[in-house]
Amino acid sequence: MNFAQLLAALGMETKLDLNAAVQTGGCTIQFDRSLEVTLEFEADSGNLQLYVTAAQAPASNREAFFAALLQLHLFGMATEGGVFGFDPQLDRVLFFKTLALPTLDEAAALKQVEGFVNQAERWRARLLDIVARMAPAADPLAGLPLQRV
């Protein structure tokens, strides 16, 4: 399968006109009014990059947040092969997956995109919950008696 074929299949599935995306090599599709999935095609490899903004990084307790994030996608077991990454310029966590389009037929490619969208929705909600429950890091000196210098 190639990018144009996938976009045509997605266009039929979602009733969207994606012809312009074939020309530019990418597009962003909104699912369920709240999830924007970006598709970027790498012409030299035939790979398709799918990604979404999963969460903003928390302002406090970042070390614990990123440690938890790394554990979540260990070997891709809990993410169906999706991976989390950090965009430091925008201080956001991305969830992404690479699809080798030349190795997939239409049904398999659509299943992979659908699975990614489902995982992205799941992890966006879960990461929002994790960030909300993150307590500020404790002061390591809290509770210790004052010492004279």
N, C-alpha and C. Protein backbone atom coordinates (compact mmCIF):
# COMPACT_ATOMS: atom_id res chain seq x y z
N MET A 1 0.84 -1.17 0.00
CA MET A 1 0.00 0.00 0.00
C MET A 1 0.89 1.24 0.00
N ASN A 2 0.42 2.30 -0.65
CA ASN A 2 1.15 3.56 -0.61
C ASN A 2 0.28 4.64 0.06
N PHE A 3 0.86 5.82 0.20
CA PHE A 3 0.18 6.90 0.92
C PHE A 3 -1.12 7.32 0.23
N ALA A 4 -1.08 7.47 -1.08
CA ALA A 4 -2.28 7.87 -1.81
C ALA A 4 -3.40 6.86 -1.64
N GLN A 5 -3.05 5.56 -1.68
CA GLN A 5 -4.06 4.52 -1.49
C GLN A 5 -4.65 4.57 -0.09
N LEU A 6 -3.79 4.79 0.91
CA LEU A 6 -4.29 4.88 2.28
C LEU A 6 -5.22 6.08 2.44
N LEU A 7 -4.82 7.23 1.90
CA LEU A 7 -5.66 8.41 2.02
C LEU A 7 -6.99 8.22 1.30
N ALA A 8 -6.95 7.55 0.16
CA ALA A 8 -8.20 7.26 -0.55
C ALA A 8 -9.09 6.36 0.30
N ALA A 9 -8.49 5.35 0.92
CA ALA A 9 -9.26 4.46 1.79
C ALA A 9 -9.81 5.22 2.99
N LEU A 10 -9.00 6.08 3.58
CA LEU A 10 -9.47 6.90 4.71
C LEU A 10 -10.57 7.86 4.26
N GLY A 11 -10.43 8.39 3.07
CA GLY A 11 -11.45 9.29 2.54
C GLY A 11 -12.78 8.59 2.37
N MET A 12 -12.74 7.35 1.91
CA MET A 12 -13.97 6.58 1.76
C MET A 12 -14.55 6.24 3.12
N GLU A 13 -13.69 5.90 4.06
CA GLU A 13 -14.14 5.52 5.39
C GLU A 13 -14.72 6.70 6.15
N THR A 14 -14.14 7.87 5.99
CA THR A 14 -14.53 9.01 6.82
C THR A 14 -15.27 10.09 6.04
N LYS A 15 -15.47 9.89 4.74
CA LYS A 15 -16.14 10.86 3.88
C LYS A 15 -15.39 12.19 3.81
N LEU A 16 -14.07 12.14 3.91
CA LEU A 16 -13.24 13.34 3.81
C LEU A 16 -12.54 13.38 2.46
N ASP A 17 -12.32 14.57 1.95
CA ASP A 17 -11.55 14.73 0.72
C ASP A 17 -10.10 14.98 1.10
N LEU A 18 -9.25 14.00 0.88
CA LEU A 18 -7.86 14.08 1.28
C LEU A 18 -6.90 14.20 0.09
N ASN A 19 -7.42 14.59 -1.07
CA ASN A 19 -6.56 14.68 -2.26
C ASN A 19 -5.40 15.65 -2.07
N ALA A 20 -5.64 16.77 -1.39
CA ALA A 20 -4.56 17.74 -1.17
C ALA A 20 -3.44 17.14 -0.34
N ALA A 21 -3.79 16.26 0.59
CA ALA A 21 -2.78 15.63 1.44
C ALA A 21 -1.83 14.76 0.64
N VAL A 22 -2.32 14.13 -0.41
CA VAL A 22 -1.46 13.32 -1.26
C VAL A 22 -0.37 14.20 -1.87
N GLN A 23 -0.75 15.39 -2.28
CA GLN A 23 0.21 16.31 -2.90
C GLN A 23 1.22 16.85 -1.90
N THR A 24 0.80 17.14 -0.66
CA THR A 24 1.69 17.74 0.34
C THR A 24 2.47 16.71 1.15
N GLY A 25 2.02 15.45 1.15
CA GLY A 25 2.71 14.41 1.92
C GLY A 25 2.28 14.33 3.37
N GLY A 26 1.19 14.98 3.71
CA GLY A 26 0.72 14.90 5.08
C GLY A 26 -0.58 15.63 5.29
N CYS A 27 -1.19 15.36 6.43
CA CYS A 27 -2.43 16.03 6.79
C CYS A 27 -2.72 15.79 8.27
N THR A 28 -3.67 16.54 8.77
CA THR A 28 -4.16 16.32 10.13
C THR A 28 -5.65 16.03 10.02
N ILE A 29 -6.08 14.96 10.65
CA ILE A 29 -7.48 14.55 10.62
C ILE A 29 -8.03 14.62 12.04
N GLN A 30 -9.20 15.21 12.18
CA GLN A 30 -9.83 15.30 13.49
C GLN A 30 -10.79 14.14 13.65
N PHE A 31 -10.65 13.42 14.77
CA PHE A 31 -11.52 12.31 15.11
C PHE A 31 -12.31 12.68 16.36
N ASP A 32 -13.57 12.35 16.38
CA ASP A 32 -14.42 12.53 17.56
C ASP A 32 -14.35 13.93 18.15
N ARG A 33 -14.21 14.93 17.32
CA ARG A 33 -14.24 16.35 17.70
C ARG A 33 -13.14 16.81 18.65
N SER A 34 -12.31 15.91 19.13
CA SER A 34 -11.30 16.36 20.10
C SER A 34 -9.90 15.81 19.84
N LEU A 35 -9.77 14.87 18.95
CA LEU A 35 -8.47 14.25 18.72
C LEU A 35 -7.99 14.56 17.31
N GLU A 36 -6.87 15.27 17.23
CA GLU A 36 -6.27 15.58 15.94
C GLU A 36 -5.06 14.68 15.71
N VAL A 37 -5.15 13.84 14.70
CA VAL A 37 -4.08 12.92 14.35
C VAL A 37 -3.37 13.45 13.11
N THR A 38 -2.06 13.60 13.22
CA THR A 38 -1.26 14.07 12.08
C THR A 38 -0.65 12.86 11.39
N LEU A 39 -0.75 12.84 10.08
CA LEU A 39 -0.14 11.80 9.24
C LEU A 39 0.92 12.48 8.39
N GLU A 40 2.15 11.97 8.48
CA GLU A 40 3.24 12.50 7.65
C GLU A 40 3.90 11.33 6.93
N PHE A 41 3.96 11.44 5.61
CA PHE A 41 4.50 10.38 4.78
C PHE A 41 5.96 10.65 4.46
N GLU A 42 6.80 9.63 4.60
CA GLU A 42 8.22 9.70 4.25
C GLU A 42 8.39 8.99 2.92
N ALA A 43 8.48 9.76 1.85
CA ALA A 43 8.51 9.19 0.50
C ALA A 43 9.70 8.26 0.28
N ASP A 44 10.86 8.58 0.87
CA ASP A 44 12.05 7.76 0.63
C ASP A 44 11.94 6.38 1.24
N SER A 45 11.27 6.25 2.37
CA SER A 45 11.15 4.94 3.03
C SER A 45 9.79 4.29 2.83
N GLY A 46 8.79 5.09 2.48
CA GLY A 46 7.43 4.57 2.38
C GLY A 46 6.73 4.49 3.73
N ASN A 47 7.40 4.97 4.77
CA ASN A 47 6.81 4.92 6.11
C ASN A 47 5.84 6.07 6.33
N LEU A 48 4.86 5.80 7.15
CA LEU A 48 3.90 6.82 7.56
C LEU A 48 4.06 7.05 9.05
N GLN A 49 4.21 8.30 9.43
CA GLN A 49 4.29 8.67 10.84
C GLN A 49 2.91 9.16 11.27
N LEU A 50 2.37 8.56 12.31
CA LEU A 50 1.11 9.00 12.92
C LEU A 50 1.47 9.60 14.27
N TYR A 51 0.93 10.77 14.59
CA TYR A 51 1.19 11.30 15.93
C TYR A 51 0.10 12.25 16.39
N VAL A 52 0.00 12.35 17.72
CA VAL A 52 -0.94 13.26 18.38
C VAL A 52 -0.24 13.88 19.58
N THR A 53 -0.73 15.03 19.99
CA THR A 53 -0.30 15.58 21.27
C THR A 53 -1.07 14.84 22.34
N ALA A 54 -0.35 14.13 23.20
CA ALA A 54 -1.01 13.33 24.23
C ALA A 54 -1.24 14.12 25.51
N ALA A 55 -0.33 15.03 25.84
CA ALA A 55 -0.46 15.81 27.08
C ALA A 55 0.57 16.91 27.10
N GLN A 56 0.31 17.92 27.89
CA GLN A 56 1.33 18.90 28.22
C GLN A 56 2.12 18.33 29.39
N ALA A 57 3.41 18.54 29.40
CA ALA A 57 4.22 18.07 30.52
C ALA A 57 3.84 18.87 31.76
N PRO A 58 3.79 18.22 32.92
CA PRO A 58 3.40 18.95 34.14
C PRO A 58 4.47 19.96 34.54
N ALA A 59 4.03 21.00 35.21
CA ALA A 59 4.96 22.05 35.66
C ALA A 59 5.81 21.58 36.83
N SER A 60 5.27 20.67 37.63
CA SER A 60 6.01 20.18 38.79
C SER A 60 6.07 18.66 38.76
N ASN A 61 7.00 18.11 39.51
CA ASN A 61 7.17 16.66 39.63
C ASN A 61 7.40 16.01 38.26
N ARG A 62 8.15 16.68 37.42
CA ARG A 62 8.39 16.21 36.06
C ARG A 62 9.16 14.89 36.02
N GLU A 63 10.12 14.74 36.92
CA GLU A 63 10.92 13.52 36.92
C GLU A 63 10.04 12.29 37.12
N ALA A 64 9.12 12.36 38.07
CA ALA A 64 8.21 11.23 38.32
C ALA A 64 7.29 11.01 37.13
N PHE A 65 6.83 12.09 36.52
CA PHE A 65 5.96 11.98 35.35
C PHE A 65 6.67 11.27 34.20
N PHE A 66 7.89 11.71 33.89
CA PHE A 66 8.61 11.11 32.77
C PHE A 66 9.03 9.67 33.08
N ALA A 67 9.32 9.38 34.34
CA ALA A 67 9.63 7.99 34.72
C ALA A 67 8.41 7.11 34.48
N ALA A 68 7.23 7.59 34.87
CA ALA A 68 6.00 6.83 34.65
C ALA A 68 5.74 6.66 33.16
N LEU A 69 5.98 7.71 32.40
CA LEU A 69 5.76 7.67 30.96
C LEU A 69 6.65 6.63 30.29
N LEU A 70 7.90 6.57 30.69
CA LEU A 70 8.82 5.57 30.12
C LEU A 70 8.36 4.15 30.43
N GLN A 71 7.83 3.95 31.62
CA GLN A 71 7.36 2.62 32.00
C GLN A 71 6.12 2.22 31.20
N LEU A 72 5.29 3.19 30.85
CA LEU A 72 4.05 2.89 30.15
C LEU A 72 4.27 2.25 28.78
N HIS A 73 5.31 2.65 28.09
CA HIS A 73 5.49 2.10 26.75
C HIS A 73 6.67 1.14 26.64
N LEU A 74 7.04 0.52 27.73
CA LEU A 74 8.09 -0.48 27.71
C LEU A 74 7.74 -1.58 26.72
N PHE A 75 8.52 -1.74 25.71
CA PHE A 75 8.34 -2.73 24.64
C PHE A 75 7.03 -2.55 23.88
N GLY A 76 6.34 -1.43 24.08
CA GLY A 76 5.09 -1.17 23.37
C GLY A 76 3.94 -2.06 23.78
N MET A 77 4.09 -2.75 24.90
CA MET A 77 3.07 -3.73 25.30
C MET A 77 1.74 -3.07 25.66
N ALA A 78 1.75 -1.96 26.36
CA ALA A 78 0.50 -1.32 26.78
C ALA A 78 0.01 -0.31 25.75
N THR A 79 0.77 -0.10 24.70
CA THR A 79 0.45 0.94 23.72
C THR A 79 0.24 0.40 22.31
N GLU A 80 0.21 -0.91 22.15
CA GLU A 80 0.08 -1.54 20.84
C GLU A 80 1.13 -1.02 19.85
N GLY A 81 2.34 -0.87 20.35
CA GLY A 81 3.45 -0.45 19.50
C GLY A 81 3.62 1.04 19.37
N GLY A 82 2.73 1.82 19.97
CA GLY A 82 2.88 3.27 19.97
C GLY A 82 3.97 3.67 20.96
N VAL A 83 4.52 4.85 20.76
CA VAL A 83 5.63 5.32 21.58
C VAL A 83 5.35 6.75 22.03
N PHE A 84 5.80 7.07 23.24
CA PHE A 84 5.71 8.44 23.73
C PHE A 84 7.03 9.15 23.46
N GLY A 85 6.96 10.41 23.13
CA GLY A 85 8.13 11.24 22.94
C GLY A 85 7.87 12.61 23.53
N PHE A 86 8.93 13.37 23.72
CA PHE A 86 8.81 14.69 24.33
C PHE A 86 9.25 15.76 23.34
N ASP A 87 8.42 16.76 23.15
CA ASP A 87 8.73 17.91 22.31
C ASP A 87 9.08 19.07 23.24
N PRO A 88 10.39 19.33 23.47
CA PRO A 88 10.78 20.35 24.44
C PRO A 88 10.43 21.77 24.01
N GLN A 89 10.33 22.01 22.72
CA GLN A 89 10.00 23.36 22.26
C GLN A 89 8.59 23.77 22.68
N LEU A 90 7.67 22.83 22.67
CA LEU A 90 6.29 23.11 23.06
C LEU A 90 5.92 22.49 24.40
N ASP A 91 6.90 21.87 25.07
CA ASP A 91 6.70 21.25 26.39
C ASP A 91 5.51 20.30 26.39
N ARG A 92 5.48 19.43 25.38
CA ARG A 92 4.36 18.51 25.25
C ARG A 92 4.85 17.10 25.02
N VAL A 93 3.99 16.16 25.36
CA VAL A 93 4.25 14.74 25.13
C VAL A 93 3.49 14.32 23.88
N LEU A 94 4.20 13.70 22.96
CA LEU A 94 3.59 13.17 21.75
C LEU A 94 3.42 11.67 21.89
N PHE A 95 2.38 11.15 21.26
CA PHE A 95 2.19 9.71 21.13
C PHE A 95 2.27 9.45 19.63
N PHE A 96 3.14 8.53 19.22
CA PHE A 96 3.33 8.32 17.79
C PHE A 96 3.55 6.85 17.46
N LYS A 97 3.41 6.58 16.18
CA LYS A 97 3.64 5.23 15.67
C LYS A 97 4.07 5.34 14.21
N THR A 98 4.99 4.48 13.81
CA THR A 98 5.46 4.42 12.43
C THR A 98 4.85 3.20 11.76
N LEU A 99 4.24 3.41 10.61
CA LEU A 99 3.68 2.31 9.83
C LEU A 99 4.49 2.15 8.55
N ALA A 100 4.95 0.94 8.29
CA ALA A 100 5.65 0.63 7.04
C ALA A 100 4.58 0.31 5.99
N LEU A 101 4.09 1.33 5.32
CA LEU A 101 2.98 1.16 4.39
C LEU A 101 3.22 0.11 3.31
N PRO A 102 4.43 0.02 2.72
CA PRO A 102 4.62 -0.97 1.66
C PRO A 102 4.38 -2.42 2.11
N THR A 103 4.42 -2.67 3.41
CA THR A 103 4.23 -4.04 3.91
C THR A 103 2.78 -4.33 4.29
N LEU A 104 1.90 -3.34 4.16
CA LEU A 104 0.51 -3.50 4.59
C LEU A 104 -0.44 -3.47 3.41
N ASP A 105 -1.51 -4.26 3.51
CA ASP A 105 -2.59 -4.12 2.55
C ASP A 105 -3.59 -3.12 3.13
N GLU A 106 -4.64 -2.81 2.38
CA GLU A 106 -5.58 -1.78 2.81
C GLU A 106 -6.22 -2.11 4.16
N ALA A 107 -6.70 -3.32 4.31
CA ALA A 107 -7.37 -3.70 5.56
C ALA A 107 -6.43 -3.58 6.75
N ALA A 108 -5.19 -4.04 6.59
CA ALA A 108 -4.22 -3.99 7.68
C ALA A 108 -3.85 -2.55 8.01
N ALA A 109 -3.69 -1.72 6.99
CA ALA A 109 -3.33 -0.31 7.22
C ALA A 109 -4.46 0.41 7.95
N LEU A 110 -5.69 0.21 7.51
CA LEU A 110 -6.83 0.85 8.18
C LEU A 110 -6.96 0.36 9.61
N LYS A 111 -6.70 -0.91 9.83
CA LYS A 111 -6.76 -1.46 11.19
C LYS A 111 -5.68 -0.81 12.07
N GLN A 112 -4.49 -0.61 11.51
CA GLN A 112 -3.41 0.04 12.26
C GLN A 112 -3.76 1.49 12.60
N VAL A 113 -4.33 2.22 11.65
CA VAL A 113 -4.72 3.61 11.91
C VAL A 113 -5.82 3.64 12.97
N GLU A 114 -6.81 2.77 12.83
CA GLU A 114 -7.90 2.72 13.82
C GLU A 114 -7.36 2.37 15.20
N GLY A 115 -6.47 1.40 15.27
CA GLY A 115 -5.87 1.03 16.55
C GLY A 115 -5.09 2.17 17.16
N PHE A 116 -4.36 2.92 16.32
CA PHE A 116 -3.61 4.06 16.82
C PHE A 116 -4.55 5.12 17.38
N VAL A 117 -5.62 5.42 16.65
CA VAL A 117 -6.58 6.42 17.12
C VAL A 117 -7.18 5.99 18.46
N ASN A 118 -7.54 4.73 18.58
CA ASN A 118 -8.09 4.23 19.85
C ASN A 118 -7.08 4.35 20.98
N GLN A 119 -5.84 3.98 20.72
CA GLN A 119 -4.79 4.10 21.74
C GLN A 119 -4.54 5.57 22.09
N ALA A 120 -4.53 6.43 21.09
CA ALA A 120 -4.29 7.86 21.34
C ALA A 120 -5.38 8.44 22.23
N GLU A 121 -6.62 8.09 21.96
CA GLU A 121 -7.73 8.57 22.81
C GLU A 121 -7.57 8.05 24.23
N ARG A 122 -7.24 6.79 24.34
CA ARG A 122 -7.06 6.18 25.66
C ARG A 122 -5.94 6.85 26.44
N TRP A 123 -4.80 7.04 25.80
CA TRP A 123 -3.64 7.59 26.51
C TRP A 123 -3.77 9.07 26.79
N ARG A 124 -4.45 9.80 25.92
CA ARG A 124 -4.69 11.22 26.24
C ARG A 124 -5.50 11.33 27.52
N ALA A 125 -6.55 10.56 27.64
CA ALA A 125 -7.36 10.60 28.86
C ALA A 125 -6.55 10.13 30.07
N ARG A 126 -5.80 9.07 29.89
CA ARG A 126 -5.02 8.52 31.00
C ARG A 126 -3.91 9.48 31.44
N LEU A 127 -3.23 10.11 30.50
CA LEU A 127 -2.17 11.04 30.86
C LEU A 127 -2.72 12.30 31.52
N LEU A 128 -3.88 12.75 31.09
CA LEU A 128 -4.51 13.89 31.78
C LEU A 128 -4.78 13.54 33.23
N ASP A 129 -5.23 12.32 33.46
CA ASP A 129 -5.49 11.85 34.82
C ASP A 129 -4.18 11.76 35.62
N ILE A 130 -3.14 11.22 35.00
CA ILE A 130 -1.84 11.10 35.68
C ILE A 130 -1.30 12.47 36.05
N VAL A 131 -1.37 13.42 35.11
CA VAL A 131 -0.88 14.77 35.39
C VAL A 131 -1.69 15.41 36.51
N ALA A 132 -3.00 15.23 36.48
CA ALA A 132 -3.86 15.82 37.50
C ALA A 132 -3.56 15.27 38.89
N ARG A 133 -3.17 14.00 38.95
CA ARG A 133 -2.88 13.39 40.25
C ARG A 133 -1.45 13.58 40.72
N MET A 134 -0.62 14.15 39.87
CA MET A 134 0.77 14.37 40.26
C MET A 134 0.83 15.44 41.34
N ALA A 135 1.29 15.06 42.50
CA ALA A 135 1.48 16.03 43.57
C ALA A 135 2.83 16.71 43.37
N PRO A 136 2.94 17.97 43.78
CA PRO A 136 4.26 18.61 43.68
C PRO A 136 5.30 17.81 44.44
N ALA A 137 6.51 17.80 43.93
CA ALA A 137 7.59 17.06 44.57
C ALA A 137 7.81 17.60 45.98
N ALA A 138 8.03 16.70 46.90
CA ALA A 138 8.25 17.09 48.29
C ALA A 138 9.62 17.73 48.45
N ASP A 139 9.71 18.70 49.32
CA ASP A 139 10.98 19.36 49.64
C ASP A 139 11.81 18.36 50.43
N PRO A 140 13.00 17.99 49.96
CA PRO A 140 13.80 16.99 50.67
C PRO A 140 14.22 17.44 52.06
N LEU A 141 14.18 18.73 52.33
CA LEU A 141 14.57 19.24 53.65
C LEU A 141 13.37 19.45 54.57
N ALA A 142 12.18 19.22 54.06
CA ALA A 142 10.98 19.44 54.88
C ALA A 142 10.99 18.50 56.08
N GLY A 143 10.67 19.04 57.24
CA GLY A 143 10.59 18.23 58.45
C GLY A 143 11.91 18.04 59.16
N LEU A 144 13.02 18.48 58.57
CA LEU A 144 14.32 18.34 59.23
C LEU A 144 14.53 19.54 60.16
N PRO A 145 15.17 19.31 61.30
CA PRO A 145 15.43 20.44 62.20
C PRO A 145 16.41 21.42 61.56
N LEU A 146 16.25 22.69 61.89
CA LEU A 146 17.16 23.71 61.38
C LEU A 146 18.53 23.54 62.00
N GLN A 147 19.54 23.73 61.22
CA GLN A 147 20.91 23.62 61.72
C GLN A 147 21.57 24.99 61.64
N ARG A 148 22.37 25.27 62.66
CA ARG A 148 23.13 26.53 62.65
C ARG A 148 24.39 26.33 61.82
N VAL A 149 24.70 27.33 61.07
CA VAL A 149 25.90 27.27 60.22
C VAL A 149 26.98 28.11 60.82
